[in-house]
Amino acid sequence: MLEIAVKAADSKRAEEIVALDVHEISLLADYFMICQAASERQINAIVEEIIEKEEEADVEVKRIEGKDGGKWVLIDLGDVIIHVFQSAERGFYNLEKLWSDAPMVDLHAWVE
């Protein structure tokens, strides 16, 4: 699930894609993926691509929140939760700092 989401986001030019391994510190999910985009339009393109690729792989998209707001969209895949931000929103919420106890996942093999 995580690899599919990372590759889908990267294919739509998502910026600063990171993944946190939160399985030891959160009951919510095993991984949080965080990325950002320059505009609401790009956020929507990233979100649609992730949803499409996950559904093609028979992954159930449990919930999508924030799609109408255009500044922060959350995609809940169960074990993976994806956050797609506009740049300013990402800096404001700073999830990486909030979950700083979680180790980063090496994504280099999945992104170009």
PDB file of N, CA and C in Angstrom:
ATOM      1  N   MET A   1       0.819  -1.202   0.000  1.00  0.00           N
ATOM      2  CA  MET A   1       0.000   0.000   0.000  1.00  0.00           C
ATOM      3  C   MET A   1       0.857   1.258   0.000  1.00  0.00           C
ATOM      4  N   LEU A   2       1.868   1.262   0.862  1.00  0.00           N
ATOM      5  CA  LEU A   2       2.727   2.436   0.966  1.00  0.00           C
ATOM      6  C   LEU A   2       3.487   2.676  -0.333  1.00  0.00           C
ATOM      7  N   GLU A   3       4.048   1.631  -0.893  1.00  0.00           N
ATOM      8  CA  GLU A   3       4.805   1.775  -2.142  1.00  0.00           C
ATOM      9  C   GLU A   3       3.908   2.295  -3.269  1.00  0.00           C
ATOM     10  N   ILE A   4       2.708   1.779  -3.367  1.00  0.00           N
ATOM     11  CA  ILE A   4       1.768   2.230  -4.402  1.00  0.00           C
ATOM     12  C   ILE A   4       1.474   3.715  -4.224  1.00  0.00           C
ATOM     13  N   ALA A   5       1.211   4.120  -2.989  1.00  0.00           N
ATOM     14  CA  ALA A   5       0.883   5.527  -2.710  1.00  0.00           C
ATOM     15  C   ALA A   5       2.062   6.443  -3.022  1.00  0.00           C
ATOM     16  N   VAL A   6       3.255   6.037  -2.639  1.00  0.00           N
ATOM     17  CA  VAL A   6       4.444   6.854  -2.885  1.00  0.00           C
ATOM     18  C   VAL A   6       4.669   7.014  -4.389  1.00  0.00           C
ATOM     19  N   LYS A   7       4.592   5.930  -5.121  1.00  0.00           N
ATOM     20  CA  LYS A   7       4.809   5.989  -6.575  1.00  0.00           C
ATOM     21  C   LYS A   7       3.720   6.808  -7.264  1.00  0.00           C
ATOM     22  N   ALA A   8       2.478   6.672  -6.806  1.00  0.00           N
ATOM     23  CA  ALA A   8       1.380   7.437  -7.405  1.00  0.00           C
ATOM     24  C   ALA A   8       1.570   8.926  -7.146  1.00  0.00           C
ATOM     25  N   ALA A   9       1.922   9.293  -5.930  1.00  0.00           N
ATOM     26  CA  ALA A   9       2.148  10.705  -5.598  1.00  0.00           C
ATOM     27  C   ALA A   9       3.321  11.260  -6.395  1.00  0.00           C
ATOM     28  N   ASP A  10       4.377  10.481  -6.486  1.00  0.00           N
ATOM     29  CA  ASP A  10       5.556  10.917  -7.229  1.00  0.00           C
ATOM     30  C   ASP A  10       5.232  11.107  -8.715  1.00  0.00           C
ATOM     31  N   SER A  11       4.371  10.271  -9.252  1.00  0.00           N
ATOM     32  CA  SER A  11       4.021  10.391 -10.676  1.00  0.00           C
ATOM     33  C   SER A  11       3.264  11.681 -10.976  1.00  0.00           C
ATOM     34  N   LYS A  12       2.660  12.281  -9.961  1.00  0.00           N
ATOM     35  CA  LYS A  12       1.956  13.559 -10.121  1.00  0.00           C
ATOM     36  C   LYS A  12       2.770  14.720  -9.539  1.00  0.00           C
ATOM     37  N   ARG A  13       4.059  14.485  -9.383  1.00  0.00           N
ATOM     38  CA  ARG A  13       5.017  15.500  -8.945  1.00  0.00           C
ATOM     39  C   ARG A  13       4.767  16.049  -7.540  1.00  0.00           C
ATOM     40  N   ALA A  14       4.334  15.170  -6.646  1.00  0.00           N
ATOM     41  CA  ALA A  14       4.230  15.568  -5.243  1.00  0.00           C
ATOM     42  C   ALA A  14       5.628  15.921  -4.748  1.00  0.00           C
ATOM     43  N   GLU A  15       5.696  16.870  -3.826  1.00  0.00           N
ATOM     44  CA  GLU A  15       6.983  17.339  -3.317  1.00  0.00           C
ATOM     45  C   GLU A  15       7.214  16.819  -1.901  1.00  0.00           C
ATOM     46  N   GLU A  16       8.488  16.631  -1.590  1.00  0.00           N
ATOM     47  CA  GLU A  16       8.923  16.254  -0.243  1.00  0.00           C
ATOM     48  C   GLU A  16       8.108  15.105   0.344  1.00  0.00           C
ATOM     49  N   ILE A  17       8.086  13.992  -0.374  1.00  0.00           N
ATOM     50  CA  ILE A  17       7.360  12.805   0.082  1.00  0.00           C
ATOM     51  C   ILE A  17       8.168  12.135   1.191  1.00  0.00           C
ATOM     52  N   VAL A  18       7.534  11.928   2.321  1.00  0.00           N
ATOM     53  CA  VAL A  18       8.151  11.190   3.418  1.00  0.00           C
ATOM     54  C   VAL A  18       7.145  10.179   3.951  1.00  0.00           C
ATOM     55  N   ALA A  19       7.668   9.148   4.585  1.00  0.00           N
ATOM     56  CA  ALA A  19       6.817   8.166   5.253  1.00  0.00           C
ATOM     57  C   ALA A  19       7.397   7.896   6.631  1.00  0.00           C
ATOM     58  N   LEU A  20       6.514   7.831   7.603  1.00  0.00           N
ATOM     59  CA  LEU A  20       6.897   7.560   8.981  1.00  0.00           C
ATOM     60  C   LEU A  20       6.363   6.191   9.375  1.00  0.00           C
ATOM     61  N   ASP A  21       7.203   5.403  10.015  1.00  0.00           N
ATOM     62  CA  ASP A  21       6.802   4.092  10.512  1.00  0.00           C
ATOM     63  C   ASP A  21       6.268   4.296  11.932  1.00  0.00           C
ATOM     64  N   VAL A  22       4.940   4.342  12.058  1.00  0.00           N
ATOM     65  CA  VAL A  22       4.314   4.668  13.349  1.00  0.00           C
ATOM     66  C   VAL A  22       3.723   3.445  14.046  1.00  0.00           C
ATOM     67  N   HIS A  23       3.990   2.253  13.529  1.00  0.00           N
ATOM     68  CA  HIS A  23       3.320   1.069  14.080  1.00  0.00           C
ATOM     69  C   HIS A  23       3.647   0.809  15.554  1.00  0.00           C
ATOM     70  N   GLU A  24       4.798   1.280  16.017  1.00  0.00           N
ATOM     71  CA  GLU A  24       5.167   1.062  17.427  1.00  0.00           C
ATOM     72  C   GLU A  24       4.644   2.153  18.349  1.00  0.00           C
ATOM     73  N   ILE A  25       4.207   3.296  17.775  1.00  0.00           N
ATOM     74  CA  ILE A  25       3.810   4.418  18.635  1.00  0.00           C
ATOM     75  C   ILE A  25       2.370   4.882  18.410  1.00  0.00           C
ATOM     76  N   SER A  26       1.657   4.242  17.498  1.00  0.00           N
ATOM     77  CA  SER A  26       0.282   4.660  17.223  1.00  0.00           C
ATOM     78  C   SER A  26      -0.590   3.447  16.945  1.00  0.00           C
ATOM     79  N   LEU A  27      -1.807   3.514  17.420  1.00  0.00           N
ATOM     80  CA  LEU A  27      -2.779   2.473  17.110  1.00  0.00           C
ATOM     81  C   LEU A  27      -3.541   2.788  15.829  1.00  0.00           C
ATOM     82  N   LEU A  28      -3.335   3.999  15.288  1.00  0.00           N
ATOM     83  CA  LEU A  28      -4.081   4.449  14.119  1.00  0.00           C
ATOM     84  C   LEU A  28      -3.692   3.723  12.843  1.00  0.00           C
ATOM     85  N   ALA A  29      -2.400   3.490  12.658  1.00  0.00           N
ATOM     86  CA  ALA A  29      -1.919   2.924  11.396  1.00  0.00           C
ATOM     87  C   ALA A  29      -0.497   2.422  11.585  1.00  0.00           C
ATOM     88  N   ASP A  30       0.017   1.763  10.557  1.00  0.00           N
ATOM     89  CA  ASP A  30       1.419   1.339  10.553  1.00  0.00           C
ATOM     90  C   ASP A  30       2.319   2.419   9.959  1.00  0.00           C
ATOM     91  N   TYR A  31       1.786   3.150   8.958  1.00  0.00           N
ATOM     92  CA  TYR A  31       2.572   4.176   8.287  1.00  0.00           C
ATOM     93  C   TYR A  31       1.752   5.433   8.047  1.00  0.00           C
ATOM     94  N   PHE A  32       2.421   6.565   8.152  1.00  0.00           N
ATOM     95  CA  PHE A  32       1.885   7.850   7.704  1.00  0.00           C
ATOM     96  C   PHE A  32       2.737   8.278   6.525  1.00  0.00           C
ATOM     97  N   MET A  33       2.109   8.599   5.414  1.00  0.00           N
ATOM     98  CA  MET A  33       2.821   9.187   4.293  1.00  0.00           C
ATOM     99  C   MET A  33       2.413  10.651   4.220  1.00  0.00           C
ATOM    100  N   ILE A  34       3.392  11.514   4.032  1.00  0.00           N
ATOM    101  CA  ILE A  34       3.143  12.955   3.984  1.00  0.00           C
ATOM    102  C   ILE A  34       3.805  13.505   2.733  1.00  0.00           C
ATOM    103  N   CYS A  35       3.063  14.344   2.008  1.00  0.00           N
ATOM    104  CA  CYS A  35       3.640  15.017   0.851  1.00  0.00           C
ATOM    105  C   CYS A  35       2.946  16.356   0.679  1.00  0.00           C
ATOM    106  N   GLN A  36       3.452  17.144  -0.247  1.00  0.00           N
ATOM    107  CA  GLN A  36       2.864  18.456  -0.470  1.00  0.00           C
ATOM    108  C   GLN A  36       2.796  18.768  -1.949  1.00  0.00           C
ATOM    109  N   ALA A  37       1.965  19.775  -2.242  1.00  0.00           N
ATOM    110  CA  ALA A  37       1.777  20.218  -3.621  1.00  0.00           C
ATOM    111  C   ALA A  37       1.658  21.733  -3.625  1.00  0.00           C
ATOM    112  N   ALA A  38       1.874  22.315  -4.791  1.00  0.00           N
ATOM    113  CA  ALA A  38       1.889  23.769  -4.912  1.00  0.00           C
ATOM    114  C   ALA A  38       0.497  24.389  -5.021  1.00  0.00           C
ATOM    115  N   SER A  39      -0.503  23.587  -5.421  1.00  0.00           N
ATOM    116  CA  SER A  39      -1.833  24.164  -5.647  1.00  0.00           C
ATOM    117  C   SER A  39      -2.919  23.152  -5.293  1.00  0.00           C
ATOM    118  N   GLU A  40      -4.128  23.673  -5.175  1.00  0.00           N
ATOM    119  CA  GLU A  40      -5.285  22.810  -4.920  1.00  0.00           C
ATOM    120  C   GLU A  40      -5.488  21.824  -6.074  1.00  0.00           C
ATOM    121  N   ARG A  41      -5.266  22.297  -7.272  1.00  0.00           N
ATOM    122  CA  ARG A  41      -5.407  21.438  -8.451  1.00  0.00           C
ATOM    123  C   ARG A  41      -4.432  20.263  -8.415  1.00  0.00           C
ATOM    124  N   GLN A  42      -3.189  20.549  -8.029  1.00  0.00           N
ATOM    125  CA  GLN A  42      -2.197  19.481  -7.943  1.00  0.00           C
ATOM    126  C   GLN A  42      -2.532  18.523  -6.805  1.00  0.00           C
ATOM    127  N   ILE A  43      -3.021  19.043  -5.683  1.00  0.00           N
ATOM    128  CA  ILE A  43      -3.437  18.173  -4.580  1.00  0.00           C
ATOM    129  C   ILE A  43      -4.501  17.198  -5.081  1.00  0.00           C
ATOM    130  N   ASN A  44      -5.497  17.720  -5.790  1.00  0.00           N
ATOM    131  CA  ASN A  44      -6.563  16.862  -6.300  1.00  0.00           C
ATOM    132  C   ASN A  44      -6.027  15.808  -7.264  1.00  0.00           C
ATOM    133  N   ALA A  45      -5.074  16.178  -8.108  1.00  0.00           N
ATOM    134  CA  ALA A  45      -4.479  15.215  -9.047  1.00  0.00           C
ATOM    135  C   ALA A  45      -3.737  14.112  -8.295  1.00  0.00           C
ATOM    136  N   ILE A  46      -2.993  14.487  -7.264  1.00  0.00           N
ATOM    137  CA  ILE A  46      -2.252  13.509  -6.453  1.00  0.00           C
ATOM    138  C   ILE A  46      -3.225  12.567  -5.757  1.00  0.00           C
ATOM    139  N   VAL A  47      -4.241  13.132  -5.132  1.00  0.00           N
ATOM    140  CA  VAL A  47      -5.231  12.327  -4.399  1.00  0.00           C
ATOM    141  C   VAL A  47      -5.937  11.357  -5.344  1.00  0.00           C
ATOM    142  N   GLU A  48      -6.371  11.836  -6.491  1.00  0.00           N
ATOM    143  CA  GLU A  48      -7.073  10.971  -7.447  1.00  0.00           C
ATOM    144  C   GLU A  48      -6.173   9.842  -7.939  1.00  0.00           C
ATOM    145  N   GLU A  49      -4.907  10.147  -8.187  1.00  0.00           N
ATOM    146  CA  GLU A  49      -3.961   9.118  -8.665  1.00  0.00           C
ATOM    147  C   GLU A  49      -3.729   8.060  -7.594  1.00  0.00           C
ATOM    148  N   ILE A  50      -3.559   8.490  -6.351  1.00  0.00           N
ATOM    149  CA  ILE A  50      -3.355   7.529  -5.254  1.00  0.00           C
ATOM    150  C   ILE A  50      -4.577   6.625  -5.123  1.00  0.00           C
ATOM    151  N   ILE A  51      -5.761   7.217  -5.123  1.00  0.00           N
ATOM    152  CA  ILE A  51      -6.989   6.426  -4.982  1.00  0.00           C
ATOM    153  C   ILE A  51      -7.117   5.432  -6.135  1.00  0.00           C
ATOM    154  N   GLU A  52      -6.884   5.903  -7.348  1.00  0.00           N
ATOM    155  CA  GLU A  52      -6.998   5.024  -8.521  1.00  0.00           C
ATOM    156  C   GLU A  52      -6.034   3.846  -8.442  1.00  0.00           C
ATOM    157  N   LYS A  53      -4.778   4.120  -8.120  1.00  0.00           N
ATOM    158  CA  LYS A  53      -3.767   3.050  -8.082  1.00  0.00           C
ATOM    159  C   LYS A  53      -4.027   2.077  -6.934  1.00  0.00           C
ATOM    160  N   GLU A  54      -4.464   2.585  -5.793  1.00  0.00           N
ATOM    161  CA  GLU A  54      -4.768   1.695  -4.665  1.00  0.00           C
ATOM    162  C   GLU A  54      -5.950   0.793  -5.000  1.00  0.00           C
ATOM    163  N   GLU A  55      -6.992   1.354  -5.616  1.00  0.00           N
ATOM    164  CA  GLU A  55      -8.163   0.548  -5.981  1.00  0.00           C
ATOM    165  C   GLU A  55      -7.809  -0.489  -7.042  1.00  0.00           C
ATOM    166  N   GLU A  56      -6.918  -0.134  -7.971  1.00  0.00           N
ATOM    167  CA  GLU A  56      -6.457  -1.113  -8.963  1.00  0.00           C
ATOM    168  C   GLU A  56      -5.764  -2.291  -8.297  1.00  0.00           C
ATOM    169  N   ALA A  57      -5.137  -2.049  -7.148  1.00  0.00           N
ATOM    170  CA  ALA A  57      -4.435  -3.100  -6.403  1.00  0.00           C
ATOM    171  C   ALA A  57      -5.352  -3.765  -5.370  1.00  0.00           C
ATOM    172  N   ASP A  58      -6.656  -3.507  -5.480  1.00  0.00           N
ATOM    173  CA  ASP A  58      -7.659  -4.069  -4.568  1.00  0.00           C
ATOM    174  C   ASP A  58      -7.475  -3.642  -3.119  1.00  0.00           C
ATOM    175  N   VAL A  59      -6.970  -2.441  -2.927  1.00  0.00           N
ATOM    176  CA  VAL A  59      -6.870  -1.857  -1.589  1.00  0.00           C
ATOM    177  C   VAL A  59      -8.127  -1.031  -1.352  1.00  0.00           C
ATOM    178  N   GLU A  60      -8.755  -1.248  -0.213  1.00  0.00           N
ATOM    179  CA  GLU A  60      -9.968  -0.505   0.121  1.00  0.00           C
ATOM    180  C   GLU A  60      -9.605   0.879   0.656  1.00  0.00           C
ATOM    181  N   VAL A  61     -10.153   1.903   0.029  1.00  0.00           N
ATOM    182  CA  VAL A  61     -10.005   3.261   0.538  1.00  0.00           C
ATOM    183  C   VAL A  61     -11.116   3.452   1.562  1.00  0.00           C
ATOM    184  N   LYS A  62     -10.733   3.494   2.830  1.00  0.00           N
ATOM    185  CA  LYS A  62     -11.718   3.524   3.901  1.00  0.00           C
ATOM    186  C   LYS A  62     -12.387   4.890   4.060  1.00  0.00           C
ATOM    187  N   ARG A  63     -11.599   5.954   3.890  1.00  0.00           N
ATOM    188  CA  ARG A  63     -12.155   7.290   4.117  1.00  0.00           C
ATOM    189  C   ARG A  63     -11.258   8.325   3.457  1.00  0.00           C
ATOM    190  N   ILE A  64     -11.891   9.398   2.979  1.00  0.00           N
ATOM    191  CA  ILE A  64     -11.165  10.546   2.441  1.00  0.00           C
ATOM    192  C   ILE A  64     -11.735  11.775   3.133  1.00  0.00           C
ATOM    193  N   GLU A  65     -10.861  12.593   3.685  1.00  0.00           N
ATOM    194  CA  GLU A  65     -11.309  13.805   4.373  1.00  0.00           C
ATOM    195  C   GLU A  65     -10.576  15.016   3.816  1.00  0.00           C
ATOM    196  N   GLY A  66     -11.278  16.145   3.757  1.00  0.00           N
ATOM    197  CA  GLY A  66     -10.664  17.402   3.366  1.00  0.00           C
ATOM    198  C   GLY A  66     -10.619  17.672   1.882  1.00  0.00           C
ATOM    199  N   LYS A  67     -11.215  16.815   1.089  1.00  0.00           N
ATOM    200  CA  LYS A  67     -11.119  16.967  -0.360  1.00  0.00           C
ATOM    201  C   LYS A  67     -11.747  18.282  -0.835  1.00  0.00           C
ATOM    202  N   ASP A  68     -12.776  18.734  -0.159  1.00  0.00           N
ATOM    203  CA  ASP A  68     -13.427  19.980  -0.556  1.00  0.00           C
ATOM    204  C   ASP A  68     -12.639  21.218  -0.125  1.00  0.00           C
ATOM    205  N   GLY A  69     -11.801  21.085   0.902  1.00  0.00           N
ATOM    206  CA  GLY A  69     -11.050  22.228   1.412  1.00  0.00           C
ATOM    207  C   GLY A  69      -9.856  22.610   0.571  1.00  0.00           C
ATOM    208  N   GLY A  70      -9.198  21.631  -0.020  1.00  0.00           N
ATOM    209  CA  GLY A  70      -8.107  21.895  -0.932  1.00  0.00           C
ATOM    210  C   GLY A  70      -6.771  22.261  -0.309  1.00  0.00           C
ATOM    211  N   LYS A  71      -6.662  22.209   1.019  1.00  0.00           N
ATOM    212  CA  LYS A  71      -5.388  22.559   1.657  1.00  0.00           C
ATOM    213  C   LYS A  71      -4.736  21.357   2.335  1.00  0.00           C
ATOM    214  N   TRP A  72      -5.555  20.389   2.748  1.00  0.00           N
ATOM    215  CA  TRP A  72      -5.041  19.191   3.410  1.00  0.00           C
ATOM    216  C   TRP A  72      -6.044  18.080   3.170  1.00  0.00           C
ATOM    217  N   VAL A  73      -5.619  17.049   2.464  1.00  0.00           N
ATOM    218  CA  VAL A  73      -6.486  15.899   2.216  1.00  0.00           C
ATOM    219  C   VAL A  73      -5.869  14.694   2.907  1.00  0.00           C
ATOM    220  N   LEU A  74      -6.714  13.956   3.618  1.00  0.00           N
ATOM    221  CA  LEU A  74      -6.296  12.746   4.303  1.00  0.00           C
ATOM    222  C   LEU A  74      -6.964  11.560   3.607  1.00  0.00           C
ATOM    223  N   ILE A  75      -6.166  10.565   3.278  1.00  0.00           N
ATOM    224  CA  ILE A  75      -6.680   9.325   2.687  1.00  0.00           C
ATOM    225  C   ILE A  75      -6.364   8.206   3.673  1.00  0.00           C
ATOM    226  N   ASP A  76      -7.408   7.540   4.147  1.00  0.00           N
ATOM    227  CA  ASP A  76      -7.261   6.454   5.112  1.00  0.00           C
ATOM    228  C   ASP A  76      -7.365   5.127   4.382  1.00  0.00           C
ATOM    229  N   LEU A  77      -6.256   4.393   4.359  1.00  0.00           N
ATOM    230  CA  LEU A  77      -6.230   3.068   3.744  1.00  0.00           C
ATOM    231  C   LEU A  77      -6.190   1.969   4.801  1.00  0.00           C
ATOM    232  N   GLY A  78      -6.389   2.336   6.048  1.00  0.00           N
ATOM    233  CA  GLY A  78      -6.313   1.371   7.136  1.00  0.00           C
ATOM    234  C   GLY A  78      -4.913   1.373   7.724  1.00  0.00           C
ATOM    235  N   ASP A  79      -4.035   0.535   7.195  1.00  0.00           N
ATOM    236  CA  ASP A  79      -2.662   0.449   7.709  1.00  0.00           C
ATOM    237  C   ASP A  79      -1.790   1.617   7.280  1.00  0.00           C
ATOM    238  N   VAL A  80      -2.231   2.347   6.256  1.00  0.00           N
ATOM    239  CA  VAL A  80      -1.487   3.504   5.759  1.00  0.00           C
ATOM    240  C   VAL A  80      -2.427   4.701   5.732  1.00  0.00           C
ATOM    241  N   ILE A  81      -1.987   5.803   6.314  1.00  0.00           N
ATOM    242  CA  ILE A  81      -2.737   7.052   6.254  1.00  0.00           C
ATOM    243  C   ILE A  81      -1.894   8.059   5.489  1.00  0.00           C
ATOM    244  N   ILE A  82      -2.504   8.656   4.477  1.00  0.00           N
ATOM    245  CA  ILE A  82      -1.789   9.571   3.583  1.00  0.00           C
ATOM    246  C   ILE A  82      -2.281  10.990   3.814  1.00  0.00           C
ATOM    247  N   HIS A  83      -1.331  11.897   3.954  1.00  0.00           N
ATOM    248  CA  HIS A  83      -1.626  13.321   4.117  1.00  0.00           C
ATOM    249  C   HIS A  83      -1.048  14.065   2.922  1.00  0.00           C
ATOM    250  N   VAL A  84      -1.911  14.774   2.192  1.00  0.00           N
ATOM    251  CA  VAL A  84      -1.466  15.586   1.051  1.00  0.00           C
ATOM    252  C   VAL A  84      -1.785  17.036   1.404  1.00  0.00           C
ATOM    253  N   PHE A  85      -0.742  17.840   1.547  1.00  0.00           N
ATOM    254  CA  PHE A  85      -0.867  19.226   2.004  1.00  0.00           C
ATOM    255  C   PHE A  85      -0.528  20.225   0.915  1.00  0.00           C
ATOM    256  N   GLN A  86      -1.055  21.445   1.046  1.00  0.00           N
ATOM    257  CA  GLN A  86      -0.452  22.585   0.383  1.00  0.00           C
ATOM    258  C   GLN A  86       0.755  22.953   1.249  1.00  0.00           C
ATOM    259  N   SER A  87       1.765  23.543   0.659  1.00  0.00           N
ATOM    260  CA  SER A  87       3.034  23.787   1.348  1.00  0.00           C
ATOM    261  C   SER A  87       2.875  24.529   2.669  1.00  0.00           C
ATOM    262  N   ALA A  88       2.107  25.612   2.698  1.00  0.00           N
ATOM    263  CA  ALA A  88       1.954  26.403   3.920  1.00  0.00           C
ATOM    264  C   ALA A  88       1.266  25.608   5.023  1.00  0.00           C
ATOM    265  N   GLU A  89       0.291  24.796   4.646  1.00  0.00           N
ATOM    266  CA  GLU A  89      -0.431  23.981   5.634  1.00  0.00           C
ATOM    267  C   GLU A  89       0.497  22.936   6.236  1.00  0.00           C
ATOM    268  N   ARG A  90       1.332  22.351   5.410  1.00  0.00           N
ATOM    269  CA  ARG A  90       2.245  21.330   5.920  1.00  0.00           C
ATOM    270  C   ARG A  90       3.178  21.926   6.965  1.00  0.00           C
ATOM    271  N   GLY A  91       3.699  23.098   6.682  1.00  0.00           N
ATOM    272  CA  GLY A  91       4.578  23.757   7.644  1.00  0.00           C
ATOM    273  C   GLY A  91       3.864  24.108   8.936  1.00  0.00           C
ATOM    274  N   PHE A  92       2.604  24.511   8.825  1.00  0.00           N
ATOM    275  CA  PHE A  92       1.832  24.899  10.008  1.00  0.00           C
ATOM    276  C   PHE A  92       1.563  23.688  10.908  1.00  0.00           C
ATOM    277  N   TYR A  93       1.111  22.577  10.324  1.00  0.00           N
ATOM    278  CA  TYR A  93       0.760  21.403  11.133  1.00  0.00           C
ATOM    279  C   TYR A  93       1.979  20.574  11.529  1.00  0.00           C
ATOM    280  N   ASN A  94       3.021  20.590  10.714  1.00  0.00           N
ATOM    281  CA  ASN A  94       4.304  19.959  11.025  1.00  0.00           C
ATOM    282  C   ASN A  94       4.155  18.559  11.627  1.00  0.00           C
ATOM    283  N   LEU A  95       3.506  17.669  10.896  1.00  0.00           N
ATOM    284  CA  LEU A  95       3.277  16.310  11.391  1.00  0.00           C
ATOM    285  C   LEU A  95       4.577  15.551  11.657  1.00  0.00           C
ATOM    286  N   GLU A  96       5.606  15.861  10.883  1.00  0.00           N
ATOM    287  CA  GLU A  96       6.881  15.190  11.097  1.00  0.00           C
ATOM    288  C   GLU A  96       7.407  15.458  12.514  1.00  0.00           C
ATOM    289  N   LYS A  97       7.225  16.673  12.991  1.00  0.00           N
ATOM    290  CA  LYS A  97       7.661  17.001  14.355  1.00  0.00           C
ATOM    291  C   LYS A  97       6.738  16.351  15.382  1.00  0.00           C
ATOM    292  N   LEU A  98       5.431  16.380  15.112  1.00  0.00           N
ATOM    293  CA  LEU A  98       4.463  15.785  16.022  1.00  0.00           C
ATOM    294  C   LEU A  98       4.741  14.293  16.224  1.00  0.00           C
ATOM    295  N   TRP A  99       5.123  13.617  15.160  1.00  0.00           N
ATOM    296  CA  TRP A  99       5.409  12.181  15.204  1.00  0.00           C
ATOM    297  C   TRP A  99       6.918  11.930  15.117  1.00  0.00           C
ATOM    298  N   SER A 100       7.708  12.779  15.722  1.00  0.00           N
ATOM    299  CA  SER A 100       9.166  12.700  15.597  1.00  0.00           C
ATOM    300  C   SER A 100       9.764  11.428  16.210  1.00  0.00           C
ATOM    301  N   ASP A 101       9.026  10.729  17.044  1.00  0.00           N
ATOM    302  CA  ASP A 101       9.514   9.461  17.593  1.00  0.00           C
ATOM    303  C   ASP A 101       9.477   8.332  16.563  1.00  0.00           C
ATOM    304  N   ALA A 102       8.758   8.548  15.477  1.00  0.00           N
ATOM    305  CA  ALA A 102       8.619   7.513  14.450  1.00  0.00           C
ATOM    306  C   ALA A 102       9.796   7.551  13.483  1.00  0.00           C
ATOM    307  N   PRO A 103      10.392   6.398  13.214  1.00  0.00           N
ATOM    308  CA  PRO A 103      11.484   6.378  12.230  1.00  0.00           C
ATOM    309  C   PRO A 103      10.973   6.647  10.817  1.00  0.00           C
ATOM    310  N   MET A 104      11.823   7.285  10.022  1.00  0.00           N
ATOM    311  CA  MET A 104      11.503   7.553   8.619  1.00  0.00           C
ATOM    312  C   MET A 104      11.717   6.272   7.816  1.00  0.00           C
ATOM    313  N   VAL A 105      10.896   6.088   6.801  1.00  0.00           N
ATOM    314  CA  VAL A 105      11.023   4.966   5.877  1.00  0.00           C
ATOM    315  C   VAL A 105      11.854   5.452   4.690  1.00  0.00           C
ATOM    316  N   ASP A 106      12.808   4.636   4.264  1.00  0.00           N
ATOM    317  CA  ASP A 106      13.633   4.998   3.107  1.00  0.00           C
ATOM    318  C   ASP A 106      12.824   4.791   1.831  1.00  0.00           C
ATOM    319  N   LEU A 107      12.528   5.886   1.138  1.00  0.00           N
ATOM    320  CA  LEU A 107      11.689   5.843  -0.060  1.00  0.00           C
ATOM    321  C   LEU A 107      12.486   6.000  -1.345  1.00  0.00           C
ATOM    322  N   HIS A 108      13.789   6.093  -1.261  1.00  0.00           N
ATOM    323  CA  HIS A 108      14.612   6.391  -2.437  1.00  0.00           C
ATOM    324  C   HIS A 108      14.391   5.423  -3.598  1.00  0.00           C
ATOM    325  N   ALA A 109      14.145   4.174  -3.309  1.00  0.00           N
ATOM    326  CA  ALA A 109      13.961   3.200  -4.386  1.00  0.00           C
ATOM    327  C   ALA A 109      12.638   3.382  -5.116  1.00  0.00           C
ATOM    328  N   TRP A 110      11.707   4.114  -4.507  1.00  0.00           N
ATOM    329  CA  TRP A 110      10.361   4.265  -5.083  1.00  0.00           C
ATOM    330  C   TRP A 110      10.141   5.593  -5.778  1.00  0.00           C
ATOM    331  N   VAL A 111      11.000   6.568  -5.555  1.00  0.00           N
ATOM    332  CA  VAL A 111      10.794   7.882  -6.155  1.00  0.00           C
ATOM    333  C   VAL A 111      11.913   8.182  -7.147  1.00  0.00           C
ATOM    334  N   GLU A 112      11.576   8.986  -8.138  1.00  0.00           N
ATOM    335  CA  GLU A 112      12.568   9.329  -9.171  1.00  0.00           C
ATOM    336  C   GLU A 112      13.303  10.601  -8.809  1.00  0.00           C
TER     337      GLU A 112
END
